[in-house]
Structure formats: structure tokens, C-alpha cells
N, C-alpha and C. Protein backbone atom coordinates (compact mmCIF):
# COMPACT_ATOMS: atom_id res chain seq x y z
N MET A 1 86.48 144.56 176.41
CA MET A 1 86.86 144.15 178.08
C MET A 1 88.41 144.04 178.12
N VAL A 2 88.38 142.50 177.25
CA VAL A 2 89.64 141.80 177.25
C VAL A 2 90.62 142.85 176.91
N SER A 3 90.44 143.75 175.91
CA SER A 3 91.59 144.59 175.36
C SER A 3 92.08 145.59 176.24
N ASP A 4 90.80 146.03 177.21
CA ASP A 4 90.81 146.84 178.34
C ASP A 4 92.29 146.34 179.02
N LEU A 5 91.69 145.22 179.69
CA LEU A 5 92.66 144.44 180.71
C LEU A 5 94.07 144.36 180.09
N ILE A 6 94.15 144.00 178.70
CA ILE A 6 95.97 143.90 178.36
C ILE A 6 96.11 145.24 178.27
N LEU A 7 95.47 145.90 178.16
CA LEU A 7 96.16 147.32 178.02
C LEU A 7 96.76 148.06 179.42
N HIS A 8 95.88 147.52 180.28
CA HIS A 8 96.14 148.08 181.62
C HIS A 8 97.34 147.19 182.18
N LEU A 9 96.95 145.82 181.83
CA LEU A 9 98.64 144.94 182.25
C LEU A 9 99.81 145.39 181.47
N LEU A 10 99.84 146.28 180.61
CA LEU A 10 100.69 146.92 179.45
C LEU A 10 101.08 148.19 180.18
N GLY A 11 100.49 148.80 181.19
CA GLY A 11 100.88 149.87 181.60
C GLY A 11 100.06 151.01 181.15
N PHE A 12 99.14 150.63 180.39
CA PHE A 12 98.67 152.13 180.01
C PHE A 12 97.50 152.07 181.03
N GLU A 13 96.89 153.24 181.30
CA GLU A 13 95.77 153.87 182.21
C GLU A 13 94.33 154.00 181.28
N ILE A 14 93.34 153.55 181.85
CA ILE A 14 92.03 153.37 181.43
C ILE A 14 91.39 154.39 182.03
N ASN A 15 90.51 155.38 181.55
CA ASN A 15 89.59 156.38 182.54
C ASN A 15 88.64 156.20 181.64
N LEU A 16 87.86 155.53 182.29
CA LEU A 16 86.31 155.40 181.43
C LEU A 16 85.56 156.85 182.30
N VAL A 17 85.06 157.80 181.67
CA VAL A 17 84.50 158.66 182.18
C VAL A 17 83.04 158.27 182.18
N LYS A 18 82.09 158.26 183.34
CA LYS A 18 80.94 157.92 183.54
C LYS A 18 80.00 159.13 183.79
N GLU A 19 78.77 159.15 183.47
CA GLU A 19 77.80 160.26 183.98
C GLU A 19 76.80 159.56 184.76
N SER A 20 76.34 160.65 185.66
CA SER A 20 74.56 160.24 185.84
C SER A 20 74.00 161.36 186.31
N GLU A 21 72.62 161.55 185.93
CA GLU A 21 71.48 162.28 186.22
C GLU A 21 70.41 162.05 187.59
N SER A 22 71.24 160.68 188.65
CA SER A 22 70.28 160.48 189.22
C SER A 22 71.29 160.50 190.57
N PHE A 23 71.89 161.40 190.96
CA PHE A 23 72.03 161.99 192.04
C PHE A 23 71.23 163.42 192.82
N GLY A 24 70.78 163.31 194.30
CA GLY A 24 70.54 164.58 194.41
C GLY A 24 70.40 164.87 195.72
N VAL A 25 70.22 165.94 196.29
CA VAL A 25 70.24 166.48 198.04
C VAL A 25 69.14 167.09 198.36
N GLU A 26 69.12 167.10 199.53
CA GLU A 26 67.84 167.67 199.96
C GLU A 26 67.33 168.91 199.48
N GLU A 27 66.26 169.57 199.15
CA GLU A 27 65.68 170.67 198.69
C GLU A 27 66.46 171.84 199.74
N GLY A 28 67.04 173.22 198.90
CA GLY A 28 67.48 173.77 199.67
C GLY A 28 69.35 173.90 199.64
N TYR A 29 69.89 172.58 199.56
CA TYR A 29 70.99 172.85 199.20
C TYR A 29 71.60 172.72 197.89
N GLY A 30 71.02 172.44 197.09
CA GLY A 30 71.43 171.85 195.79
C GLY A 30 72.75 172.92 195.32
N SER A 31 72.45 174.40 195.66
CA SER A 31 73.83 175.06 194.85
C SER A 31 74.81 174.73 195.88
N LYS A 32 74.93 175.05 197.07
CA LYS A 32 75.41 174.95 197.94
C LYS A 32 76.54 173.51 198.01
N VAL A 33 75.85 172.35 197.90
CA VAL A 33 76.36 171.22 197.73
C VAL A 33 77.14 170.62 196.19
N VAL A 34 76.76 171.34 195.16
CA VAL A 34 77.46 171.02 193.79
C VAL A 34 78.74 172.18 194.04
N GLU A 35 78.53 173.19 194.67
CA GLU A 35 79.68 173.84 194.28
C GLU A 35 80.67 173.32 195.22
N TRP A 36 80.46 172.93 196.32
CA TRP A 36 81.63 172.77 197.33
C TRP A 36 81.82 170.90 196.83
N VAL A 37 81.41 170.13 196.15
CA VAL A 37 81.78 169.06 195.39
C VAL A 37 82.35 169.62 194.26
N ASN A 38 82.18 170.56 193.30
CA ASN A 38 83.09 170.90 192.22
C ASN A 38 84.81 171.20 192.99
N GLU A 39 84.57 172.10 194.18
CA GLU A 39 85.64 172.98 195.16
C GLU A 39 86.73 171.58 195.26
N GLU A 40 85.70 170.53 195.91
CA GLU A 40 86.55 169.60 196.59
C GLU A 40 87.29 168.52 195.75
N ALA A 41 86.50 168.61 194.30
CA ALA A 41 87.00 167.29 193.23
C ALA A 41 88.31 168.27 193.27
N GLN A 42 88.32 169.61 192.35
CA GLN A 42 89.31 170.26 192.13
C GLN A 42 90.80 170.74 193.21
N LYS A 43 90.30 170.57 194.84
CA LYS A 43 91.56 170.43 195.52
C LYS A 43 92.14 169.15 195.73
N GLN A 44 91.04 168.12 195.38
CA GLN A 44 91.98 166.97 195.48
C GLN A 44 92.57 166.02 194.04
N GLY A 45 92.41 166.72 192.90
CA GLY A 45 92.90 166.60 192.00
C GLY A 45 91.77 165.50 191.29
N LEU A 46 90.60 165.09 191.75
CA LEU A 46 89.84 164.25 191.03
C LEU A 46 88.83 164.62 189.77
N LYS A 47 88.89 163.62 189.05
CA LYS A 47 88.53 164.27 187.66
C LYS A 47 86.57 164.16 187.83
N ILE A 48 86.16 164.84 188.37
CA ILE A 48 84.39 165.25 188.45
C ILE A 48 84.25 166.41 188.24
N GLU A 49 82.85 166.67 187.47
CA GLU A 49 82.39 167.87 187.41
C GLU A 49 80.80 167.79 187.94
N ALA A 50 80.12 168.17 188.52
CA ALA A 50 78.85 168.00 188.88
C ALA A 50 77.90 169.66 188.65
N ARG A 51 76.94 169.42 188.43
CA ARG A 51 75.71 170.80 187.51
C ARG A 51 74.66 170.56 188.00
N LEU A 52 74.01 171.08 188.32
CA LEU A 52 72.35 171.10 189.02
C LEU A 52 71.23 171.44 187.52
N TYR A 53 70.45 170.57 187.37
CA TYR A 53 70.07 170.60 185.82
C TYR A 53 68.31 170.72 186.07
N GLY A 54 68.16 171.68 187.38
CA GLY A 54 66.80 172.40 187.21
C GLY A 54 65.33 171.11 187.60
N HIS A 55 66.06 169.66 188.08
CA HIS A 55 65.19 169.05 188.62
C HIS A 55 64.71 168.39 189.64
N LYS A 56 63.52 168.58 190.35
CA LYS A 56 63.31 168.02 191.58
C LYS A 56 62.58 166.63 191.47
N ILE A 57 62.88 166.09 192.69
CA ILE A 57 62.24 164.89 192.86
C ILE A 57 61.67 164.79 194.34
N THR A 58 59.87 164.28 194.45
CA THR A 58 59.63 164.23 196.00
C THR A 58 59.52 162.75 195.60
N THR A 59 59.52 162.24 197.24
CA THR A 59 59.70 160.90 197.96
C THR A 59 58.37 160.98 198.50
N GLN A 60 57.92 160.08 199.17
CA GLN A 60 56.59 159.77 199.95
C GLN A 60 57.52 159.68 201.35
N ASN A 61 58.62 158.82 201.59
CA ASN A 61 59.36 158.73 202.67
C ASN A 61 60.33 159.15 202.79
N PHE A 62 61.18 160.08 201.91
CA PHE A 62 62.38 161.02 202.26
C PHE A 62 62.60 162.28 201.96
N GLY A 63 61.17 163.08 201.10
CA GLY A 63 61.22 164.08 201.00
C GLY A 63 61.51 164.52 199.99
N THR A 64 61.76 165.93 199.43
CA THR A 64 61.94 166.42 198.11
C THR A 64 63.82 166.32 197.97
N PHE A 65 64.10 166.26 196.86
CA PHE A 65 65.50 166.57 196.50
C PHE A 65 65.80 167.39 195.00
N GLU A 66 66.67 167.97 195.05
CA GLU A 66 67.14 168.71 194.02
C GLU A 66 68.33 167.80 193.59
N MET A 67 67.79 167.46 192.08
CA MET A 67 68.69 166.81 191.50
C MET A 67 70.02 167.30 190.41
N PHE A 68 70.86 166.82 190.46
CA PHE A 68 72.27 167.06 189.68
C PHE A 68 72.71 165.79 188.81
N SER A 69 73.64 166.37 187.74
CA SER A 69 74.16 165.28 186.90
C SER A 69 75.53 165.66 187.25
N TRP A 70 76.75 164.72 187.04
CA TRP A 70 77.90 164.73 187.23
C TRP A 70 78.63 163.93 185.97
N MET A 71 79.86 164.42 185.60
CA MET A 71 80.60 163.38 184.72
C MET A 71 81.77 163.32 185.44
N GLY A 72 82.25 162.37 185.27
CA GLY A 72 84.01 162.08 185.84
C GLY A 72 84.04 160.52 186.32
N ASN A 73 85.10 160.12 187.31
CA ASN A 73 85.13 159.06 187.93
C ASN A 73 83.74 158.91 188.96
N VAL A 74 83.62 157.65 188.77
CA VAL A 74 82.35 156.69 189.90
C VAL A 74 82.32 157.23 191.19
N GLN A 75 83.68 156.45 191.36
CA GLN A 75 84.39 156.33 192.84
C GLN A 75 84.32 157.95 193.56
N ALA A 76 84.79 158.63 192.96
CA ALA A 76 84.76 159.96 193.22
C ALA A 76 83.73 160.53 193.47
N ALA A 77 82.83 160.22 192.40
CA ALA A 77 81.58 161.22 192.95
C ALA A 77 80.55 160.47 194.05
N ARG A 78 80.80 159.22 194.30
CA ARG A 78 79.95 158.35 195.03
C ARG A 78 80.96 158.83 196.59
N LYS A 79 82.05 158.87 196.90
CA LYS A 79 82.96 159.47 197.82
C LYS A 79 82.45 161.14 197.97
N LEU A 80 82.37 161.59 197.27
CA LEU A 80 81.95 163.14 197.74
C LEU A 80 80.45 163.36 198.09
N ILE A 81 79.84 162.38 197.64
CA ILE A 81 78.40 162.87 197.71
C ILE A 81 78.23 162.23 199.34
N ILE A 82 79.00 161.31 199.99
CA ILE A 82 78.48 160.89 201.00
C ILE A 82 79.17 162.09 201.99
N LYS A 83 80.46 162.53 201.62
CA LYS A 83 81.38 163.70 202.39
C LYS A 83 80.32 164.73 202.19
N ALA A 84 79.39 165.37 201.31
CA ALA A 84 78.80 166.36 201.56
C ALA A 84 77.75 166.33 202.50
N SER A 85 76.98 164.81 202.45
CA SER A 85 76.04 164.60 203.18
C SER A 85 76.56 164.77 204.35
N LYS A 86 77.27 164.58 204.82
CA LYS A 86 77.94 164.22 206.41
C LYS A 86 78.21 165.92 206.98
N ARG A 87 78.88 166.73 205.74
CA ARG A 87 79.25 167.96 205.84
C ARG A 87 78.04 168.54 206.35
N PHE A 88 77.17 168.57 205.41
CA PHE A 88 75.76 169.60 205.52
C PHE A 88 74.56 168.99 206.38
N LYS A 89 74.91 167.73 206.89
CA LYS A 89 73.67 167.06 207.76
C LYS A 89 72.58 166.82 206.88
N ILE A 90 72.78 166.33 205.74
CA ILE A 90 71.38 166.41 204.80
C ILE A 90 71.53 164.74 204.14
N LYS A 91 70.17 164.59 203.81
CA LYS A 91 69.75 163.46 203.05
C LYS A 91 70.46 163.63 201.84
N ALA A 92 71.10 162.60 200.83
CA ALA A 92 71.68 162.64 199.72
C ALA A 92 71.15 161.24 198.92
N ILE A 93 71.00 161.58 197.64
CA ILE A 93 70.41 160.62 196.74
C ILE A 93 71.63 159.95 196.13
N GLU A 94 72.17 158.95 196.41
CA GLU A 94 73.23 158.43 195.55
C GLU A 94 73.31 157.25 194.08
N GLY A 95 72.97 157.76 193.25
CA GLY A 95 72.08 156.89 192.04
C GLY A 95 73.69 156.35 191.03
N GLY A 96 72.75 156.05 190.26
CA GLY A 96 73.90 155.42 189.11
C GLY A 96 73.76 153.91 189.00
N TYR A 97 73.13 153.09 189.61
CA TYR A 97 73.40 151.66 190.40
C TYR A 97 72.45 150.79 189.30
N LYS A 98 72.76 149.75 188.40
CA LYS A 98 72.00 149.26 187.30
C LYS A 98 71.74 147.93 187.72
N THR A 99 70.97 147.03 187.30
CA THR A 99 70.60 145.62 187.36
C THR A 99 71.51 144.93 186.55
N LYS A 100 71.58 143.54 186.82
CA LYS A 100 72.61 143.19 185.89
C LYS A 100 71.97 142.22 184.58
N GLU A 101 70.68 142.18 184.67
CA GLU A 101 70.35 141.99 183.80
C GLU A 101 69.52 142.49 182.63
N LYS A 102 70.25 142.32 181.39
CA LYS A 102 69.95 143.00 180.26
C LYS A 102 68.80 142.39 179.35
N ILE A 103 67.60 143.12 179.79
CA ILE A 103 66.29 143.50 179.29
C ILE A 103 66.00 144.39 178.73
N LEU A 104 65.46 144.41 177.24
CA LEU A 104 64.98 145.76 176.91
C LEU A 104 63.74 146.29 177.12
N HIS A 105 63.63 147.22 177.54
CA HIS A 105 62.42 148.01 177.81
C HIS A 105 62.17 149.09 177.47
N MET A 106 60.47 149.72 177.42
CA MET A 106 60.69 150.91 176.65
C MET A 106 61.14 151.99 177.18
N LYS A 107 61.04 151.89 178.42
CA LYS A 107 61.49 152.77 179.69
C LYS A 107 62.78 152.77 180.20
N LYS A 108 63.73 153.39 180.10
CA LYS A 108 64.99 153.42 181.23
C LYS A 108 64.92 153.49 182.43
N SER A 109 65.68 152.73 183.48
CA SER A 109 65.49 152.91 184.90
C SER A 109 66.86 152.65 185.18
N ASP A 110 66.82 153.28 186.53
CA ASP A 110 68.03 153.44 187.20
C ASP A 110 67.80 153.59 188.88
N TYR A 111 68.67 152.87 189.61
CA TYR A 111 68.58 152.74 190.80
C TYR A 111 69.21 153.24 191.74
N ALA A 112 69.02 153.91 192.89
CA ALA A 112 69.43 154.85 194.03
C ALA A 112 69.42 154.31 195.44
N MET A 113 70.42 154.51 196.27
CA MET A 113 70.50 154.78 197.13
C MET A 113 70.04 155.77 198.23
N VAL A 114 69.13 156.39 199.06
CA VAL A 114 69.11 157.40 199.94
C VAL A 114 69.87 157.41 201.01
N ARG A 115 70.71 158.18 201.10
CA ARG A 115 72.02 158.40 202.14
C ARG A 115 71.72 159.60 203.24
N SER A 116 72.44 159.27 204.34
CA SER A 116 72.52 160.36 205.59
C SER A 116 74.10 160.19 206.04
N GLY A 117 74.89 160.79 205.21
CA GLY A 117 76.06 160.38 206.03
C GLY A 117 76.40 158.95 205.11
N ASP A 118 76.83 158.30 206.15
CA ASP A 118 77.16 156.87 205.92
C ASP A 118 76.26 155.51 205.94
N LYS A 119 74.99 156.08 206.54
CA LYS A 119 74.04 155.45 206.85
C LYS A 119 72.62 155.10 205.36
N VAL A 120 72.69 154.31 204.90
CA VAL A 120 71.65 153.94 204.04
C VAL A 120 70.43 154.00 204.69
N LEU A 121 69.35 154.88 204.07
CA LEU A 121 67.88 155.11 204.81
C LEU A 121 67.02 154.63 203.86
N GLY A 122 67.12 154.12 202.48
CA GLY A 122 66.63 153.45 201.90
C GLY A 122 66.82 153.25 200.09
N HIS A 123 66.12 152.74 199.71
CA HIS A 123 66.27 152.73 198.04
C HIS A 123 65.66 153.34 197.40
N LEU A 124 65.60 153.83 195.98
CA LEU A 124 64.67 154.19 195.21
C LEU A 124 64.97 153.66 193.47
N GLU A 125 63.95 153.58 192.68
CA GLU A 125 63.76 153.07 191.59
C GLU A 125 63.52 154.09 190.76
N PHE A 126 64.20 154.57 189.79
CA PHE A 126 63.66 155.68 188.98
C PHE A 126 63.36 155.38 187.49
N GLU A 127 62.42 156.04 186.92
CA GLU A 127 62.24 155.40 185.57
C GLU A 127 62.19 156.71 184.34
N ALA A 128 62.53 156.51 183.05
CA ALA A 128 62.53 157.67 182.08
C ALA A 128 62.13 156.99 180.95
N SER A 129 61.60 157.91 180.03
CA SER A 129 61.11 157.22 178.22
C SER A 129 62.71 157.35 178.06
N ARG A 130 62.91 156.26 177.33
CA ARG A 130 64.08 155.96 176.48
C ARG A 130 63.93 157.14 175.51
N PHE A 131 62.71 157.68 174.68
CA PHE A 131 62.50 158.62 173.57
C PHE A 131 62.48 159.92 174.02
N GLY A 132 63.24 161.19 173.80
CA GLY A 132 62.85 162.29 174.23
C GLY A 132 63.56 162.85 175.26
N ARG A 133 63.36 164.12 176.24
CA ARG A 133 63.98 164.39 177.33
C ARG A 133 63.14 164.14 178.14
N GLU A 134 62.68 163.54 178.75
CA GLU A 134 61.82 162.97 179.71
C GLU A 134 62.80 163.03 181.33
N LYS A 135 62.61 163.27 182.46
CA LYS A 135 63.10 163.65 183.02
C LYS A 135 63.08 162.52 184.08
N TRP A 136 63.91 162.11 184.80
CA TRP A 136 63.64 160.98 185.76
C TRP A 136 62.45 160.84 186.63
N LYS A 137 61.63 160.00 187.56
CA LYS A 137 60.31 159.88 187.70
C LYS A 137 60.84 158.76 189.03
N ILE A 138 59.94 158.63 189.94
CA ILE A 138 59.87 157.79 191.23
C ILE A 138 58.93 156.98 190.76
N LYS A 139 59.99 155.36 190.42
CA LYS A 139 58.54 154.19 190.23
C LYS A 139 58.35 153.20 191.67
N ALA A 140 59.53 153.34 192.29
CA ALA A 140 59.27 152.86 193.62
C ALA A 140 60.28 153.13 194.55
N GLU A 141 60.03 153.35 195.77
CA GLU A 141 60.90 153.32 196.81
C GLU A 141 60.69 152.68 197.99
N GLU A 142 61.62 152.36 199.00
CA GLU A 142 61.19 151.40 200.35
C GLU A 142 62.46 151.99 201.29
N ARG A 143 61.66 151.87 202.40
CA ARG A 143 63.03 152.08 203.67
C ARG A 143 63.28 151.10 203.71
N ARG A 144 64.38 151.30 204.48
CA ARG A 144 65.19 150.43 205.04
C ARG A 144 65.08 150.11 206.84
């Protein structure tokens, strides 16, 4: 971390490539949104690539979502999912949030916000096994 700061101060650009599989959009809009996000990122010169991976999540409070994964810049991914939610007038899951506590669990967890444009509708907690290729499942959800 300190070496990254030193490199940045010396004029070196540090690009941390992140990824997340806990983003989603309302069922029926997955391919449209992913295609739009990739086109918009290319137009704006943003380093992000999104892909559907054939997984759906059903929530009690917010409906069913098609989940997608992305690789690239975190801020660009968050900005584009909010713009897509506004453009298509749909709810979207903005994932990739972690807790600050460094506790080891048998399962991995991730936190997300359910959005409709700029408005936060609620929060989700995802859970998946650390071992194998298990998909995310809803552990808890709350409305705002």
C-alpha cells in the first residue's frame, strides 16, 4: 500500500483491475444492459467489460434479477450501472461492497445496494461457498 502511494507520487499510474459477480439488473433486461454498458464504456474510453453468466437471483422485496460479472474500473462500473438503471427505467443491484472486519468464514459474503436510478431501494447480503463453483445466494435483504 505504501509502495503504491510512493509510485503514484513519482508519477506512475496504478490501475487496479477489479471484478465482481454481484451486480444485476431486472429480469428480461440482462442482455440489453450488458450490451449497452460495454458500448458505453468503449465510447467513453473506460476500462470495463461486463458479461452475463446465466445466474438469476430472486428476492422477496425487489423481484428477480439477472446477475452479471464485470472486470475493470470500480468507479466506472458503479457509474454505468446507475446510468443503465435510469436509461432503461429498471431496478439494478450494485454489488461489490465488503465489510471492514477481517473475519474468516467458511463462506464468502458480499453486500449490495438495490437501486432504481439514483434512489437506493434497499440492501442485500450475498453468500457463497469458498470452495467449488457455487453461485451467490441471498442471505439477507432489507428495504429502505
